[in-house]
């Protein structure tokens, strides 16, 4: 229990820092902190393994620093890029546009209008030949020469269906 409470407090402290401080930090601060932590890590590694570094040859000691030097060079390049691209070492953040969310009444009205329009279109398509004067679609498809014959064909199809609606393809 002696280790749990201080560890928990330390965890909560770092959690608060992660939520409240880090999002406000700029990329420049992150790059500088990464150089500081990298330098500290290399120093700690060297102090921990000092005897191994002394007993190895001079080539081995250079191989150990190669990753740290490469990471440091990349971080310095990123800092230089940020300084050359943005003035004042601050990254401009564009403002978010205001998006209007439709109300539930608008959504249901749109859905019901769409449903009514689709129902009307389907019923108009199925009942296009019920009116004898409104056979312009069939007359234009079959030909205007036999308009009276076309009407009689449609009426014959209606009689043969015994109360069922005819489709466009059956009427043709």
C-alpha atoms as a PDB file:
ATOM      1  CA  UNK A   1       0.000   0.000   0.000  1.00  0.00           C
ATOM      2  CA  UNK A   2       2.986   2.273   0.571  1.00  0.00           C
ATOM      3  CA  UNK A   3       3.853   2.176  -3.137  1.00  0.00           C
ATOM      4  CA  UNK A   4       0.290   2.247  -4.467  1.00  0.00           C
ATOM      5  CA  UNK A   5      -0.864   5.708  -3.341  1.00  0.00           C
ATOM      6  CA  UNK A   6       2.232   7.680  -4.469  1.00  0.00           C
ATOM      7  CA  UNK A   7       2.217   5.783  -7.762  1.00  0.00           C
ATOM      8  CA  UNK A   8      -1.477   6.500  -8.227  1.00  0.00           C
ATOM      9  CA  UNK A   9      -0.949  10.200  -7.484  1.00  0.00           C
ATOM     10  CA  UNK A  10       1.947  10.324  -9.928  1.00  0.00           C
ATOM     11  CA  UNK A  11      -0.202   8.600 -12.567  1.00  0.00           C
ATOM     12  CA  UNK A  12      -3.046  11.092 -12.035  1.00  0.00           C
ATOM     13  CA  UNK A  13      -0.590  14.006 -12.250  1.00  0.00           C
ATOM     14  CA  UNK A  14       0.780  12.797 -15.579  1.00  0.00           C
ATOM     15  CA  UNK A  15      -2.743  12.099 -16.808  1.00  0.00           C
ATOM     16  CA  UNK A  16      -3.737  15.700 -16.015  1.00  0.00           C
ATOM     17  CA  UNK A  17      -0.643  16.959 -17.829  1.00  0.00           C
ATOM     18  CA  UNK A  18      -1.482  14.778 -20.835  1.00  0.00           C
ATOM     19  CA  UNK A  19      -5.048  16.093 -21.030  1.00  0.00           C
ATOM     20  CA  UNK A  20      -4.551  19.776 -20.186  1.00  0.00           C
ATOM     21  CA  UNK A  21      -1.000  20.777 -21.136  1.00  0.00           C
ATOM     22  CA  UNK A  22       0.043  18.598 -24.076  1.00  0.00           C
ATOM     23  CA  UNK A  23      -2.812  19.565 -26.464  1.00  0.00           C
ATOM     24  CA  UNK A  24      -1.868  23.234 -26.066  1.00  0.00           C
ATOM     25  CA  UNK A  25       1.809  22.587 -26.779  1.00  0.00           C
ATOM     26  CA  UNK A  26       3.130  23.470 -30.225  1.00  0.00           C
ATOM     27  CA  UNK A  27       5.209  21.165 -32.415  1.00  0.00           C
ATOM     28  CA  UNK A  28       8.221  23.344 -31.584  1.00  0.00           C
ATOM     29  CA  UNK A  29       7.865  22.537 -27.882  1.00  0.00           C
ATOM     30  CA  UNK A  30       7.520  18.838 -28.718  1.00  0.00           C
ATOM     31  CA  UNK A  31      10.683  18.931 -30.836  1.00  0.00           C
ATOM     32  CA  UNK A  32      12.698  20.717 -28.136  1.00  0.00           C
ATOM     33  CA  UNK A  33      11.452  18.334 -25.435  1.00  0.00           C
ATOM     34  CA  UNK A  34      12.336  15.350 -27.613  1.00  0.00           C
ATOM     35  CA  UNK A  35      15.928  16.616 -27.961  1.00  0.00           C
ATOM     36  CA  UNK A  36      16.145  17.129 -24.192  1.00  0.00           C
ATOM     37  CA  UNK A  37      14.771  13.649 -23.437  1.00  0.00           C
ATOM     38  CA  UNK A  38      16.997  12.047 -26.079  1.00  0.00           C
ATOM     39  CA  UNK A  39      20.059  13.705 -24.572  1.00  0.00           C
ATOM     40  CA  UNK A  40      19.021  12.617 -21.087  1.00  0.00           C
ATOM     41  CA  UNK A  41      18.421   9.046 -22.291  1.00  0.00           C
ATOM     42  CA  UNK A  42      21.842   8.824 -23.950  1.00  0.00           C
ATOM     43  CA  UNK A  43      23.485  10.214 -20.812  1.00  0.00           C
ATOM     44  CA  UNK A  44      21.669   7.710 -18.570  1.00  0.00           C
ATOM     45  CA  UNK A  45      22.591   4.853 -20.889  1.00  0.00           C
ATOM     46  CA  UNK A  46      26.235   5.892 -20.876  1.00  0.00           C
ATOM     47  CA  UNK A  47      26.366   6.163 -17.081  1.00  0.00           C
ATOM     48  CA  UNK A  48      24.652   2.803 -16.635  1.00  0.00           C
ATOM     49  CA  UNK A  49      26.944   0.962 -19.070  1.00  0.00           C
ATOM     50  CA  UNK A  50      30.165   2.973 -18.540  1.00  0.00           C
ATOM     51  CA  UNK A  51      32.352  -0.106 -18.095  1.00  0.00           C
ATOM     52  CA  UNK A  52      31.138  -1.655 -21.341  1.00  0.00           C
ATOM     53  CA  UNK A  53      31.889   1.566 -23.188  1.00  0.00           C
ATOM     54  CA  UNK A  54      35.454   1.708 -21.742  1.00  0.00           C
ATOM     55  CA  UNK A  55      36.242  -1.903 -22.574  1.00  0.00           C
ATOM     56  CA  UNK A  56      35.036  -1.695 -26.176  1.00  0.00           C
ATOM     57  CA  UNK A  57      37.083  -0.314 -29.024  1.00  0.00           C
ATOM     58  CA  UNK A  58      36.624   3.198 -30.358  1.00  0.00           C
ATOM     59  CA  UNK A  59      34.539   1.953 -33.317  1.00  0.00           C
ATOM     60  CA  UNK A  60      31.998   0.342 -31.043  1.00  0.00           C
ATOM     61  CA  UNK A  61      31.464   3.574 -29.134  1.00  0.00           C
ATOM     62  CA  UNK A  62      30.682   5.401 -32.379  1.00  0.00           C
ATOM     63  CA  UNK A  63      28.173   2.725 -33.420  1.00  0.00           C
ATOM     64  CA  UNK A  64      26.258   3.201 -30.202  1.00  0.00           C
ATOM     65  CA  UNK A  65      25.763   6.932 -30.822  1.00  0.00           C
ATOM     66  CA  UNK A  66      24.687   6.541 -34.445  1.00  0.00           C
ATOM     67  CA  UNK A  67      20.932   6.139 -33.776  1.00  0.00           C
ATOM     68  CA  UNK A  68      20.909   9.033 -31.321  1.00  0.00           C
ATOM     69  CA  UNK A  69      22.783  11.256 -33.766  1.00  0.00           C
ATOM     70  CA  UNK A  70      20.420  10.308 -36.566  1.00  0.00           C
ATOM     71  CA  UNK A  71      17.324  11.029 -34.478  1.00  0.00           C
ATOM     72  CA  UNK A  72      18.820  14.335 -33.305  1.00  0.00           C
ATOM     73  CA  UNK A  73      19.595  15.314 -36.919  1.00  0.00           C
ATOM     74  CA  UNK A  74      16.019  14.541 -37.956  1.00  0.00           C
ATOM     75  CA  UNK A  75      14.590  16.541 -35.046  1.00  0.00           C
ATOM     76  CA  UNK A  76      16.852  19.503 -35.843  1.00  0.00           C
ATOM     77  CA  UNK A  77      15.750  19.297 -39.489  1.00  0.00           C
ATOM     78  CA  UNK A  78      12.090  19.337 -38.394  1.00  0.00           C
ATOM     79  CA  UNK A  79      12.720  22.366 -36.179  1.00  0.00           C
ATOM     80  CA  UNK A  80      14.452  24.138 -39.068  1.00  0.00           C
ATOM     81  CA  UNK A  81      11.546  23.276 -41.369  1.00  0.00           C
ATOM     82  CA  UNK A  82       8.990  24.617 -38.873  1.00  0.00           C
ATOM     83  CA  UNK A  83      10.967  27.823 -38.436  1.00  0.00           C
ATOM     84  CA  UNK A  84      11.305  28.345 -42.178  1.00  0.00           C
ATOM     85  CA  UNK A  85       7.676  27.497 -42.940  1.00  0.00           C
ATOM     86  CA  UNK A  86       5.901  29.231 -40.078  1.00  0.00           C
ATOM     87  CA  UNK A  87       6.910  32.533 -38.579  1.00  0.00           C
ATOM     88  CA  UNK A  88       7.131  32.857 -34.818  1.00  0.00           C
ATOM     89  CA  UNK A  89       7.434  29.079 -34.323  1.00  0.00           C
ATOM     90  CA  UNK A  90       3.642  28.759 -34.120  1.00  0.00           C
ATOM     91  CA  UNK A  91       1.552  26.600 -36.398  1.00  0.00           C
ATOM     92  CA  UNK A  92      -1.567  28.382 -37.696  1.00  0.00           C
ATOM     93  CA  UNK A  93      -4.746  26.449 -36.973  1.00  0.00           C
ATOM     94  CA  UNK A  94      -7.744  27.213 -39.223  1.00  0.00           C
ATOM     95  CA  UNK A  95     -11.110  27.793 -37.591  1.00  0.00           C
ATOM     96  CA  UNK A  96     -13.789  25.160 -37.994  1.00  0.00           C
ATOM     97  CA  UNK A  97     -16.893  26.136 -39.999  1.00  0.00           C
ATOM     98  CA  UNK A  98     -20.252  26.133 -38.255  1.00  0.00           C
ATOM     99  CA  UNK A  99     -22.326  23.172 -39.359  1.00  0.00           C
ATOM    100  CA  UNK A 100     -26.071  23.429 -38.914  1.00  0.00           C
ATOM    101  CA  UNK A 101     -27.661  20.197 -37.787  1.00  0.00           C
ATOM    102  CA  UNK A 102     -31.185  19.661 -39.128  1.00  0.00           C
ATOM    103  CA  UNK A 103     -33.961  19.256 -36.610  1.00  0.00           C
ATOM    104  CA  UNK A 104     -35.897  16.027 -36.235  1.00  0.00           C
ATOM    105  CA  UNK A 105     -38.979  17.660 -37.753  1.00  0.00           C
ATOM    106  CA  UNK A 106     -37.041  18.557 -40.909  1.00  0.00           C
ATOM    107  CA  UNK A 107     -35.735  15.009 -41.222  1.00  0.00           C
ATOM    108  CA  UNK A 108     -39.167  13.405 -40.837  1.00  0.00           C
ATOM    109  CA  UNK A 109     -40.708  15.947 -43.235  1.00  0.00           C
ATOM    110  CA  UNK A 110     -38.064  15.139 -45.861  1.00  0.00           C
ATOM    111  CA  UNK A 111     -38.561  11.403 -45.406  1.00  0.00           C
ATOM    112  CA  UNK A 112     -42.344  11.645 -45.637  1.00  0.00           C
ATOM    113  CA  UNK A 113     -42.122  13.925 -48.714  1.00  0.00           C
ATOM    114  CA  UNK A 114     -39.779  11.462 -50.387  1.00  0.00           C
ATOM    115  CA  UNK A 115     -42.054   8.543 -49.532  1.00  0.00           C
ATOM    116  CA  UNK A 116     -45.125  10.407 -50.852  1.00  0.00           C
ATOM    117  CA  UNK A 117     -43.313  11.365 -54.066  1.00  0.00           C
ATOM    118  CA  UNK A 118     -42.206   7.774 -54.609  1.00  0.00           C
ATOM    119  CA  UNK A 119     -45.713   6.471 -53.937  1.00  0.00           C
ATOM    120  CA  UNK A 120     -47.214   8.982 -56.356  1.00  0.00           C
ATOM    121  CA  UNK A 121     -44.661   8.120 -59.031  1.00  0.00           C
ATOM    122  CA  UNK A 122     -45.328   4.408 -58.681  1.00  0.00           C
ATOM    123  CA  UNK A 123     -49.105   4.845 -58.727  1.00  0.00           C
ATOM    124  CA  UNK A 124     -48.848   7.164 -61.755  1.00  0.00           C
ATOM    125  CA  UNK A 125     -46.682   4.630 -63.524  1.00  0.00           C
ATOM    126  CA  UNK A 126     -49.066   1.760 -62.805  1.00  0.00           C
ATOM    127  CA  UNK A 127     -52.225   3.677 -63.620  1.00  0.00           C
ATOM    128  CA  UNK A 128     -51.030   5.470 -66.745  1.00  0.00           C
ATOM    129  CA  UNK A 129     -53.368   3.538 -69.026  1.00  0.00           C
ATOM    130  CA  UNK A 130     -56.566   3.866 -67.009  1.00  0.00           C
ATOM    131  CA  UNK A 131     -57.459   7.074 -68.785  1.00  0.00           C
ATOM    132  CA  UNK A 132     -58.181   6.337 -72.473  1.00  0.00           C
ATOM    133  CA  UNK A 133     -57.168   9.842 -73.519  1.00  0.00           C
ATOM    134  CA  UNK A 134     -53.777   9.519 -71.833  1.00  0.00           C
ATOM    135  CA  UNK A 135     -52.163   6.869 -74.052  1.00  0.00           C
ATOM    136  CA  UNK A 136     -49.515   9.126 -75.553  1.00  0.00           C
ATOM    137  CA  UNK A 137     -46.676   6.982 -74.172  1.00  0.00           C
ATOM    138  CA  UNK A 138     -48.020   3.797 -75.722  1.00  0.00           C
ATOM    139  CA  UNK A 139     -48.885   5.565 -78.969  1.00  0.00           C
ATOM    140  CA  UNK A 140     -45.395   6.991 -79.241  1.00  0.00           C
ATOM    141  CA  UNK A 141     -43.800   3.613 -78.512  1.00  0.00           C
ATOM    142  CA  UNK A 142     -45.935   1.511 -80.873  1.00  0.00           C
ATOM    143  CA  UNK A 143     -46.630   4.166 -83.460  1.00  0.00           C
ATOM    144  CA  UNK A 144     -49.394   6.721 -84.015  1.00  0.00           C
ATOM    145  CA  UNK A 145     -50.802   4.930 -87.090  1.00  0.00           C
ATOM    146  CA  UNK A 146     -52.808   2.388 -85.110  1.00  0.00           C
ATOM    147  CA  UNK A 147     -53.995   4.507 -82.158  1.00  0.00           C
ATOM    148  CA  UNK A 148     -57.445   2.921 -82.037  1.00  0.00           C
ATOM    149  CA  UNK A 149     -55.977  -0.575 -82.386  1.00  0.00           C
ATOM    150  CA  UNK A 150     -53.579   0.175 -79.541  1.00  0.00           C
ATOM    151  CA  UNK A 151     -56.434   1.229 -77.283  1.00  0.00           C
ATOM    152  CA  UNK A 152     -58.276  -1.986 -78.075  1.00  0.00           C
ATOM    153  CA  UNK A 153     -55.126  -4.030 -77.325  1.00  0.00           C
ATOM    154  CA  UNK A 154     -54.814  -2.331 -73.966  1.00  0.00           C
ATOM    155  CA  UNK A 155     -58.466  -2.955 -73.168  1.00  0.00           C
ATOM    156  CA  UNK A 156     -58.090  -6.628 -74.131  1.00  0.00           C
ATOM    157  CA  UNK A 157     -55.100  -6.973 -71.829  1.00  0.00           C
ATOM    158  CA  UNK A 158     -57.116  -5.356 -69.033  1.00  0.00           C
ATOM    159  CA  UNK A 159     -59.950  -7.812 -69.516  1.00  0.00           C
ATOM    160  CA  UNK A 160     -57.598 -10.811 -69.532  1.00  0.00           C
ATOM    161  CA  UNK A 161     -55.953  -9.799 -66.248  1.00  0.00           C
ATOM    162  CA  UNK A 162     -59.236 -10.182 -64.327  1.00  0.00           C
ATOM    163  CA  UNK A 163     -58.810  -7.231 -62.001  1.00  0.00           C
ATOM    164  CA  UNK A 164     -55.004  -7.161 -61.727  1.00  0.00           C
ATOM    165  CA  UNK A 165     -53.137  -4.072 -62.861  1.00  0.00           C
ATOM    166  CA  UNK A 166     -51.138  -4.375 -66.046  1.00  0.00           C
ATOM    167  CA  UNK A 167     -47.548  -3.393 -66.359  1.00  0.00           C
ATOM    168  CA  UNK A 168     -46.092  -1.297 -69.159  1.00  0.00           C
ATOM    169  CA  UNK A 169     -44.528  -4.340 -70.793  1.00  0.00           C
ATOM    170  CA  UNK A 170     -47.833  -6.269 -70.819  1.00  0.00           C
ATOM    171  CA  UNK A 171     -49.669  -3.357 -72.381  1.00  0.00           C
ATOM    172  CA  UNK A 172     -47.153  -3.197 -75.216  1.00  0.00           C
END
